[in-house]
Amino acid sequence: MTGAARVLIVFGTGEGHTAKVAQALGRTLGKGGSSVDVVEARRGLVPPQAQDYDAVLVAGSVHFGHYQRDLETWVRANQAAPATGPNAFVF
């Protein structure tokens, strides 16, 4: 991706490791000139909508065969939007 794209990184974390990965991805993409929002999907916090961004990265960790419930909820609510632009799921 080139130029000043708006990038959303939504993550779920259990022990903090995925948060570190998401922040590192955000710093790296930001160095390329993109505007990057890194937001945790968690109860009580409403992450931005995927449709408001040029690209979306979703990062989550798997515990006992499942991603974080709040991350799954966000993905279901935004499942159509990420397909319209560059997207990635990191786990």
PDB file of N, CA and C in Angstrom:
ATOM      1  N   MET A   1       0.843  -1.154   0.000  1.00  0.00           N
ATOM      2  CA  MET A   1       0.000   0.000   0.000  1.00  0.00           C
ATOM      3  C   MET A   1       0.896   1.226   0.000  1.00  0.00           C
ATOM      4  N   THR A   2       0.597   2.179  -0.832  1.00  0.00           N
ATOM      5  CA  THR A   2       1.391   3.393  -0.909  1.00  0.00           C
ATOM      6  C   THR A   2       0.532   4.595  -0.583  1.00  0.00           C
ATOM      7  N   GLY A   3       1.174   5.701  -0.256  1.00  0.00           N
ATOM      8  CA  GLY A   3       0.437   6.922   0.024  1.00  0.00           C
ATOM      9  C   GLY A   3      -0.094   6.980   1.439  1.00  0.00           C
ATOM     10  N   ALA A   4      -0.985   7.930   1.667  1.00  0.00           N
ATOM     11  CA  ALA A   4      -1.513   8.194   2.998  1.00  0.00           C
ATOM     12  C   ALA A   4      -2.837   7.480   3.210  1.00  0.00           C
ATOM     13  N   ALA A   5      -2.802   6.191   3.204  1.00  0.00           N
ATOM     14  CA  ALA A   5      -4.014   5.402   3.425  1.00  0.00           C
ATOM     15  C   ALA A   5      -4.409   5.454   4.894  1.00  0.00           C
ATOM     16  N   ARG A   6      -5.712   5.314   5.137  1.00  0.00           N
ATOM     17  CA  ARG A   6      -6.212   5.184   6.507  1.00  0.00           C
ATOM     18  C   ARG A   6      -6.308   3.700   6.805  1.00  0.00           C
ATOM     19  N   VAL A   7      -5.591   3.264   7.830  1.00  0.00           N
ATOM     20  CA  VAL A   7      -5.523   1.847   8.177  1.00  0.00           C
ATOM     21  C   VAL A   7      -6.072   1.647   9.588  1.00  0.00           C
ATOM     22  N   LEU A   8      -6.912   0.631   9.736  1.00  0.00           N
ATOM     23  CA  LEU A   8      -7.438   0.248  11.042  1.00  0.00           C
ATOM     24  C   LEU A   8      -6.851  -1.095  11.423  1.00  0.00           C
ATOM     25  N   ILE A   9      -6.296  -1.160  12.622  1.00  0.00           N
ATOM     26  CA  ILE A   9      -5.845  -2.433  13.185  1.00  0.00           C
ATOM     27  C   ILE A   9      -6.695  -2.675  14.427  1.00  0.00           C
ATOM     28  N   VAL A  10      -7.521  -3.706  14.367  1.00  0.00           N
ATOM     29  CA  VAL A  10      -8.364  -4.091  15.498  1.00  0.00           C
ATOM     30  C   VAL A  10      -7.786  -5.390  16.044  1.00  0.00           C
ATOM     31  N   PHE A  11      -7.598  -5.451  17.352  1.00  0.00           N
ATOM     32  CA  PHE A  11      -6.998  -6.653  17.924  1.00  0.00           C
ATOM     33  C   PHE A  11      -7.725  -7.097  19.178  1.00  0.00           C
ATOM     34  N   GLY A  12      -7.561  -8.372  19.475  1.00  0.00           N
ATOM     35  CA  GLY A  12      -8.008  -8.961  20.725  1.00  0.00           C
ATOM     36  C   GLY A  12      -6.800  -9.627  21.347  1.00  0.00           C
ATOM     37  N   THR A  13      -6.676  -9.530  22.643  1.00  0.00           N
ATOM     38  CA  THR A  13      -5.507 -10.105  23.297  1.00  0.00           C
ATOM     39  C   THR A  13      -5.905 -10.728  24.628  1.00  0.00           C
ATOM     40  N   GLY A  14      -5.242 -11.782  24.965  1.00  0.00           N
ATOM     41  CA  GLY A  14      -5.521 -12.440  26.236  1.00  0.00           C
ATOM     42  C   GLY A  14      -4.462 -12.125  27.275  1.00  0.00           C
ATOM     43  N   GLU A  15      -3.224 -12.126  26.841  1.00  0.00           N
ATOM     44  CA  GLU A  15      -2.108 -11.920  27.762  1.00  0.00           C
ATOM     45  C   GLU A  15      -1.223 -10.745  27.366  1.00  0.00           C
ATOM     46  N   GLY A  16      -1.628 -10.009  26.336  1.00  0.00           N
ATOM     47  CA  GLY A  16      -0.885  -8.818  25.942  1.00  0.00           C
ATOM     48  C   GLY A  16       0.049  -8.977  24.757  1.00  0.00           C
ATOM     49  N   HIS A  17       0.302 -10.211  24.328  1.00  0.00           N
ATOM     50  CA  HIS A  17       1.235 -10.428  23.224  1.00  0.00           C
ATOM     51  C   HIS A  17       0.691  -9.890  21.901  1.00  0.00           C
ATOM     52  N   THR A  18      -0.589 -10.121  21.639  1.00  0.00           N
ATOM     53  CA  THR A  18      -1.180  -9.643  20.390  1.00  0.00           C
ATOM     54  C   THR A  18      -1.236  -8.119  20.374  1.00  0.00           C
ATOM     55  N   ALA A  19      -1.406  -7.507  21.519  1.00  0.00           N
ATOM     56  CA  ALA A  19      -1.384  -6.045  21.600  1.00  0.00           C
ATOM     57  C   ALA A  19      -0.024  -5.521  21.145  1.00  0.00           C
ATOM     58  N   LYS A  20       1.045  -6.171  21.566  1.00  0.00           N
ATOM     59  CA  LYS A  20       2.393  -5.759  21.160  1.00  0.00           C
ATOM     60  C   LYS A  20       2.579  -5.910  19.653  1.00  0.00           C
ATOM     61  N   VAL A  21       2.073  -6.993  19.092  1.00  0.00           N
ATOM     62  CA  VAL A  21       2.173  -7.216  17.638  1.00  0.00           C
ATOM     63  C   VAL A  21       1.384  -6.134  16.900  1.00  0.00           C
ATOM     64  N   ALA A  22       0.172  -5.851  17.364  1.00  0.00           N
ATOM     65  CA  ALA A  22      -0.666  -4.842  16.713  1.00  0.00           C
ATOM     66  C   ALA A  22      -0.005  -3.462  16.758  1.00  0.00           C
ATOM     67  N   GLN A  23       0.564  -3.104  17.897  1.00  0.00           N
ATOM     68  CA  GLN A  23       1.242  -1.814  18.024  1.00  0.00           C
ATOM     69  C   GLN A  23       2.458  -1.746  17.095  1.00  0.00           C
ATOM     70  N   ALA A  24       3.204  -2.829  16.996  1.00  0.00           N
ATOM     71  CA  ALA A  24       4.373  -2.862  16.103  1.00  0.00           C
ATOM     72  C   ALA A  24       3.945  -2.719  14.645  1.00  0.00           C
ATOM     73  N   LEU A  25       2.877  -3.405  14.263  1.00  0.00           N
ATOM     74  CA  LEU A  25       2.352  -3.259  12.908  1.00  0.00           C
ATOM     75  C   LEU A  25       1.935  -1.818  12.647  1.00  0.00           C
ATOM     76  N   GLY A  26       1.300  -1.215  13.615  1.00  0.00           N
ATOM     77  CA  GLY A  26       0.855   0.172  13.476  1.00  0.00           C
ATOM     78  C   GLY A  26       2.022   1.133  13.299  1.00  0.00           C
ATOM     79  N   ARG A  27       3.077   0.948  14.087  1.00  0.00           N
ATOM     80  CA  ARG A  27       4.261   1.807  13.952  1.00  0.00           C
ATOM     81  C   ARG A  27       4.900   1.651  12.580  1.00  0.00           C
ATOM     82  N   THR A  28       4.999   0.412  12.126  1.00  0.00           N
ATOM     83  CA  THR A  28       5.621   0.148  10.825  1.00  0.00           C
ATOM     84  C   THR A  28       4.812   0.764   9.693  1.00  0.00           C
ATOM     85  N   LEU A  29       3.505   0.566   9.699  1.00  0.00           N
ATOM     86  CA  LEU A  29       2.659   1.139   8.650  1.00  0.00           C
ATOM     87  C   LEU A  29       2.657   2.666   8.710  1.00  0.00           C
ATOM     88  N   GLY A  30       2.727   3.213   9.907  1.00  0.00           N
ATOM     89  CA  GLY A  30       2.757   4.661  10.068  1.00  0.00           C
ATOM     90  C   GLY A  30       4.008   5.292   9.491  1.00  0.00           C
ATOM     91  N   LYS A  31       5.117   4.565   9.524  1.00  0.00           N
ATOM     92  CA  LYS A  31       6.369   5.074   8.947  1.00  0.00           C
ATOM     93  C   LYS A  31       6.268   5.237   7.440  1.00  0.00           C
ATOM     94  N   GLY A  32       5.363   4.488   6.827  1.00  0.00           N
ATOM     95  CA  GLY A  32       5.165   4.566   5.380  1.00  0.00           C
ATOM     96  C   GLY A  32       4.230   5.697   4.973  1.00  0.00           C
ATOM     97  N   GLY A  33       3.758   6.466   5.936  1.00  0.00           N
ATOM     98  CA  GLY A  33       2.892   7.596   5.627  1.00  0.00           C
ATOM     99  C   GLY A  33       1.418   7.348   5.839  1.00  0.00           C
ATOM    100  N   SER A  34       1.062   6.142   6.208  1.00  0.00           N
ATOM    101  CA  SER A  34      -0.349   5.837   6.457  1.00  0.00           C
ATOM    102  C   SER A  34      -0.794   6.396   7.803  1.00  0.00           C
ATOM    103  N   SER A  35      -2.058   6.733   7.891  1.00  0.00           N
ATOM    104  CA  SER A  35      -2.669   7.115   9.153  1.00  0.00           C
ATOM    105  C   SER A  35      -3.229   5.828   9.755  1.00  0.00           C
ATOM    106  N   VAL A  36      -2.728   5.446  10.921  1.00  0.00           N
ATOM    107  CA  VAL A  36      -3.066   4.138  11.494  1.00  0.00           C
ATOM    108  C   VAL A  36      -3.736   4.301  12.850  1.00  0.00           C
ATOM    109  N   ASP A  37      -4.877   3.639  13.012  1.00  0.00           N
ATOM    110  CA  ASP A  37      -5.556   3.558  14.302  1.00  0.00           C
ATOM    111  C   ASP A  37      -5.447   2.120  14.791  1.00  0.00           C
ATOM    112  N   VAL A  38      -4.900   1.942  15.983  1.00  0.00           N
ATOM    113  CA  VAL A  38      -4.767   0.619  16.593  1.00  0.00           C
ATOM    114  C   VAL A  38      -5.723   0.584  17.777  1.00  0.00           C
ATOM    115  N   VAL A  39      -6.720  -0.312  17.708  1.00  0.00           N
ATOM    116  CA  VAL A  39      -7.794  -0.317  18.697  1.00  0.00           C
ATOM    117  C   VAL A  39      -8.069  -1.741  19.173  1.00  0.00           C
ATOM    118  N   GLU A  40      -8.173  -1.900  20.481  1.00  0.00           N
ATOM    119  CA  GLU A  40      -8.520  -3.213  21.028  1.00  0.00           C
ATOM    120  C   GLU A  40     -10.035  -3.403  21.001  1.00  0.00           C
ATOM    121  N   ALA A  41     -10.457  -4.575  20.570  1.00  0.00           N
ATOM    122  CA  ALA A  41     -11.874  -4.942  20.626  1.00  0.00           C
ATOM    123  C   ALA A  41     -12.117  -5.547  21.997  1.00  0.00           C
ATOM    124  N   ARG A  42     -12.779  -4.809  22.839  1.00  0.00           N
ATOM    125  CA  ARG A  42     -13.083  -5.336  24.168  1.00  0.00           C
ATOM    126  C   ARG A  42     -14.388  -4.748  24.665  1.00  0.00           C
ATOM    127  N   ARG A  43     -14.980  -5.450  25.570  1.00  0.00           N
ATOM    128  CA  ARG A  43     -16.282  -5.059  26.122  1.00  0.00           C
ATOM    129  C   ARG A  43     -16.238  -3.614  26.626  1.00  0.00           C
ATOM    130  N   GLY A  44     -17.245  -2.843  26.232  1.00  0.00           N
ATOM    131  CA  GLY A  44     -17.330  -1.464  26.674  1.00  0.00           C
ATOM    132  C   GLY A  44     -16.609  -0.481  25.768  1.00  0.00           C
ATOM    133  N   LEU A  45     -15.822  -0.974  24.833  1.00  0.00           N
ATOM    134  CA  LEU A  45     -15.107  -0.117  23.893  1.00  0.00           C
ATOM    135  C   LEU A  45     -15.600  -0.453  22.493  1.00  0.00           C
ATOM    136  N   VAL A  46     -16.048   0.530  21.768  1.00  0.00           N
ATOM    137  CA  VAL A  46     -16.582   0.288  20.433  1.00  0.00           C
ATOM    138  C   VAL A  46     -15.527   0.681  19.395  1.00  0.00           C
ATOM    139  N   PRO A  47     -14.881  -0.311  18.766  1.00  0.00           N
ATOM    140  CA  PRO A  47     -13.899   0.015  17.728  1.00  0.00           C
ATOM    141  C   PRO A  47     -14.566   0.676  16.533  1.00  0.00           C
ATOM    142  N   PRO A  48     -13.808   1.460  15.787  1.00  0.00           N
ATOM    143  CA  PRO A  48     -14.360   2.097  14.591  1.00  0.00           C
ATOM    144  C   PRO A  48     -14.871   1.061  13.592  1.00  0.00           C
ATOM    145  N   GLN A  49     -15.677   1.526  12.657  1.00  0.00           N
ATOM    146  CA  GLN A  49     -16.217   0.663  11.616  1.00  0.00           C
ATOM    147  C   GLN A  49     -15.191   0.480  10.503  1.00  0.00           C
ATOM    148  N   ALA A  50     -15.076  -0.720   9.986  1.00  0.00           N
ATOM    149  CA  ALA A  50     -14.116  -1.039   8.934  1.00  0.00           C
ATOM    150  C   ALA A  50     -14.359  -0.207   7.685  1.00  0.00           C
ATOM    151  N   GLN A  51     -15.598   0.101   7.400  1.00  0.00           N
ATOM    152  CA  GLN A  51     -15.943   0.828   6.170  1.00  0.00           C
ATOM    153  C   GLN A  51     -15.347   2.236   6.133  1.00  0.00           C
ATOM    154  N   ASP A  52     -14.905   2.760   7.262  1.00  0.00           N
ATOM    155  CA  ASP A  52     -14.338   4.101   7.328  1.00  0.00           C
ATOM    156  C   ASP A  52     -12.842   4.133   6.999  1.00  0.00           C
ATOM    157  N   TYR A  53     -12.283   2.980   6.629  1.00  0.00           N
ATOM    158  CA  TYR A  53     -10.839   2.866   6.400  1.00  0.00           C
ATOM    159  C   TYR A  53     -10.540   2.295   5.015  1.00  0.00           C
ATOM    160  N   ASP A  54      -9.329   2.588   4.550  1.00  0.00           N
ATOM    161  CA  ASP A  54      -8.873   2.061   3.262  1.00  0.00           C
ATOM    162  C   ASP A  54      -8.398   0.618   3.376  1.00  0.00           C
ATOM    163  N   ALA A  55      -7.899   0.250   4.546  1.00  0.00           N
ATOM    164  CA  ALA A  55      -7.387  -1.102   4.776  1.00  0.00           C
ATOM    165  C   ALA A  55      -7.654  -1.489   6.227  1.00  0.00           C
ATOM    166  N   VAL A  56      -7.830  -2.786   6.454  1.00  0.00           N
ATOM    167  CA  VAL A  56      -8.133  -3.280   7.795  1.00  0.00           C
ATOM    168  C   VAL A  56      -7.268  -4.499   8.096  1.00  0.00           C
ATOM    169  N   LEU A  57      -6.651  -4.485   9.278  1.00  0.00           N
ATOM    170  CA  LEU A  57      -5.942  -5.655   9.780  1.00  0.00           C
ATOM    171  C   LEU A  57      -6.631  -6.070  11.072  1.00  0.00           C
ATOM    172  N   VAL A  58      -6.882  -7.356  11.208  1.00  0.00           N
ATOM    173  CA  VAL A  58      -7.484  -7.899  12.421  1.00  0.00           C
ATOM    174  C   VAL A  58      -6.467  -8.851  13.030  1.00  0.00           C
ATOM    175  N   ALA A  59      -6.176  -8.674  14.309  1.00  0.00           N
ATOM    176  CA  ALA A  59      -5.196  -9.526  14.979  1.00  0.00           C
ATOM    177  C   ALA A  59      -5.827 -10.118  16.230  1.00  0.00           C
ATOM    178  N   GLY A  60      -5.667 -11.421  16.382  1.00  0.00           N
ATOM    179  CA  GLY A  60      -6.222 -12.087  17.545  1.00  0.00           C
ATOM    180  C   GLY A  60      -5.404 -13.307  17.906  1.00  0.00           C
ATOM    181  N   SER A  61      -5.531 -13.714  19.131  1.00  0.00           N
ATOM    182  CA  SER A  61      -4.847 -14.929  19.573  1.00  0.00           C
ATOM    183  C   SER A  61      -5.889 -16.018  19.805  1.00  0.00           C
ATOM    184  N   VAL A  62      -5.473 -17.225  19.624  1.00  0.00           N
ATOM    185  CA  VAL A  62      -6.374 -18.362  19.797  1.00  0.00           C
ATOM    186  C   VAL A  62      -6.119 -18.992  21.162  1.00  0.00           C
ATOM    187  N   HIS A  63      -7.162 -19.074  21.956  1.00  0.00           N
ATOM    188  CA  HIS A  63      -7.089 -19.731  23.267  1.00  0.00           C
ATOM    189  C   HIS A  63      -8.194 -20.775  23.321  1.00  0.00           C
ATOM    190  N   PHE A  64      -7.820 -22.006  23.558  1.00  0.00           N
ATOM    191  CA  PHE A  64      -8.773 -23.105  23.629  1.00  0.00           C
ATOM    192  C   PHE A  64      -9.651 -23.173  22.383  1.00  0.00           C
ATOM    193  N   GLY A  65      -9.032 -22.901  21.227  1.00  0.00           N
ATOM    194  CA  GLY A  65      -9.723 -23.030  19.960  1.00  0.00           C
ATOM    195  C   GLY A  65     -10.589 -21.850  19.549  1.00  0.00           C
ATOM    196  N   HIS A  66     -10.516 -20.732  20.281  1.00  0.00           N
ATOM    197  CA  HIS A  66     -11.364 -19.577  19.981  1.00  0.00           C
ATOM    198  C   HIS A  66     -10.568 -18.283  20.071  1.00  0.00           C
ATOM    199  N   TYR A  67     -11.012 -17.309  19.274  1.00  0.00           N
ATOM    200  CA  TYR A  67     -10.478 -15.957  19.395  1.00  0.00           C
ATOM    201  C   TYR A  67     -11.223 -15.260  20.529  1.00  0.00           C
ATOM    202  N   GLN A  68     -10.790 -14.077  20.886  1.00  0.00           N
ATOM    203  CA  GLN A  68     -11.473 -13.308  21.920  1.00  0.00           C
ATOM    204  C   GLN A  68     -12.898 -13.004  21.448  1.00  0.00           C
ATOM    205  N   ARG A  69     -13.846 -13.175  22.337  1.00  0.00           N
ATOM    206  CA  ARG A  69     -15.269 -13.008  21.997  1.00  0.00           C
ATOM    207  C   ARG A  69     -15.563 -11.621  21.431  1.00  0.00           C
ATOM    208  N   ASP A  70     -15.004 -10.575  22.022  1.00  0.00           N
ATOM    209  CA  ASP A  70     -15.265  -9.221  21.542  1.00  0.00           C
ATOM    210  C   ASP A  70     -14.689  -9.000  20.146  1.00  0.00           C
ATOM    211  N   LEU A  71     -13.575  -9.652  19.843  1.00  0.00           N
ATOM    212  CA  LEU A  71     -13.000  -9.555  18.503  1.00  0.00           C
ATOM    213  C   LEU A  71     -13.904 -10.273  17.498  1.00  0.00           C
ATOM    214  N   GLU A  72     -14.382 -11.451  17.859  1.00  0.00           N
ATOM    215  CA  GLU A  72     -15.310 -12.175  16.978  1.00  0.00           C
ATOM    216  C   GLU A  72     -16.567 -11.352  16.707  1.00  0.00           C
ATOM    217  N   THR A  73     -17.074 -10.690  17.721  1.00  0.00           N
ATOM    218  CA  THR A  73     -18.264  -9.853  17.568  1.00  0.00           C
ATOM    219  C   THR A  73     -17.999  -8.721  16.578  1.00  0.00           C
ATOM    220  N   TRP A  74     -16.831  -8.068  16.710  1.00  0.00           N
ATOM    221  CA  TRP A  74     -16.495  -6.978  15.791  1.00  0.00           C
ATOM    222  C   TRP A  74     -16.370  -7.488  14.356  1.00  0.00           C
ATOM    223  N   VAL A  75     -15.709  -8.623  14.179  1.00  0.00           N
ATOM    224  CA  VAL A  75     -15.528  -9.177  12.834  1.00  0.00           C
ATOM    225  C   VAL A  75     -16.880  -9.495  12.208  1.00  0.00           C
ATOM    226  N   ARG A  76     -17.780 -10.104  12.960  1.00  0.00           N
ATOM    227  CA  ARG A  76     -19.108 -10.411  12.416  1.00  0.00           C
ATOM    228  C   ARG A  76     -19.855  -9.146  12.007  1.00  0.00           C
ATOM    229  N   ALA A  77     -19.750  -8.101  12.810  1.00  0.00           N
ATOM    230  CA  ALA A  77     -20.455  -6.858  12.519  1.00  0.00           C
ATOM    231  C   ALA A  77     -19.856  -6.121  11.318  1.00  0.00           C
ATOM    232  N   ASN A  78     -18.597  -6.406  11.000  1.00  0.00           N
ATOM    233  CA  ASN A  78     -17.902  -5.697   9.929  1.00  0.00           C
ATOM    234  C   ASN A  78     -17.468  -6.616   8.803  1.00  0.00           C
ATOM    235  N   GLN A  79     -18.048  -7.790   8.703  1.00  0.00           N
ATOM    236  CA  GLN A  79     -17.546  -8.801   7.775  1.00  0.00           C
ATOM    237  C   GLN A  79     -17.611  -8.400   6.314  1.00  0.00           C
ATOM    238  N   ALA A  80     -18.522  -7.568   5.916  1.00  0.00           N
ATOM    239  CA  ALA A  80     -18.620  -7.181   4.506  1.00  0.00           C
ATOM    240  C   ALA A  80     -17.609  -6.105   4.139  1.00  0.00           C
ATOM    241  N   ALA A  81     -17.330  -5.196   5.039  1.00  0.00           N
ATOM    242  CA  ALA A  81     -16.481  -4.047   4.725  1.00  0.00           C
ATOM    243  C   ALA A  81     -15.028  -4.399   4.402  1.00  0.00           C
ATOM    244  N   PRO A  82     -14.335  -5.250   5.162  1.00  0.00           N
ATOM    245  CA  PRO A  82     -12.927  -5.498   4.858  1.00  0.00           C
ATOM    246  C   PRO A  82     -12.693  -6.102   3.477  1.00  0.00           C
ATOM    247  N   ALA A  83     -13.676  -6.757   2.904  1.00  0.00           N
ATOM    248  CA  ALA A  83     -13.501  -7.378   1.594  1.00  0.00           C
ATOM    249  C   ALA A  83     -13.393  -6.346   0.474  1.00  0.00           C
ATOM    250  N   THR A  84     -13.764  -5.110   0.744  1.00  0.00           N
ATOM    251  CA  THR A  84     -13.745  -4.085  -0.293  1.00  0.00           C
ATOM    252  C   THR A  84     -12.370  -3.466  -0.489  1.00  0.00           C
ATOM    253  N   GLY A  85     -11.458  -3.659   0.429  1.00  0.00           N
ATOM    254  CA  GLY A  85     -10.111  -3.095   0.323  1.00  0.00           C
ATOM    255  C   GLY A  85      -9.102  -4.082   0.863  1.00  0.00           C
ATOM    256  N   PRO A  86      -7.829  -3.687   0.889  1.00  0.00           N
ATOM    257  CA  PRO A  86      -6.807  -4.580   1.437  1.00  0.00           C
ATOM    258  C   PRO A  86      -7.147  -4.955   2.875  1.00  0.00           C
ATOM    259  N   ASN A  87      -6.933  -6.211   3.209  1.00  0.00           N
ATOM    260  CA  ASN A  87      -7.224  -6.661   4.560  1.00  0.00           C
ATOM    261  C   ASN A  87      -6.342  -7.862   4.889  1.00  0.00           C
ATOM    262  N   ALA A  88      -6.198  -8.104   6.181  1.00  0.00           N
ATOM    263  CA  ALA A  88      -5.415  -9.253   6.643  1.00  0.00           C
ATOM    264  C   ALA A  88      -5.930  -9.663   8.010  1.00  0.00           C
ATOM    265  N   PHE A  89      -5.798 -10.944   8.282  1.00  0.00           N
ATOM    266  CA  PHE A  89      -6.133 -11.474   9.603  1.00  0.00           C
ATOM    267  C   PHE A  89      -4.846 -12.102  10.140  1.00  0.00           C
ATOM    268  N   VAL A  90      -4.382 -11.591  11.267  1.00  0.00           N
ATOM    269  CA  VAL A  90      -3.135 -12.056  11.873  1.00  0.00           C
ATOM    270  C   VAL A  90      -3.484 -12.818  13.141  1.00  0.00           C
ATOM    271  N   PHE A  91      -2.973 -14.046  13.237  1.00  0.00           N
ATOM    272  CA  PHE A  91      -3.224 -14.818  14.470  1.00  0.00           C
ATOM    273  C   PHE A  91      -2.001 -15.597  14.849  1.00  0.00           C
TER     274      PHE A  91
END
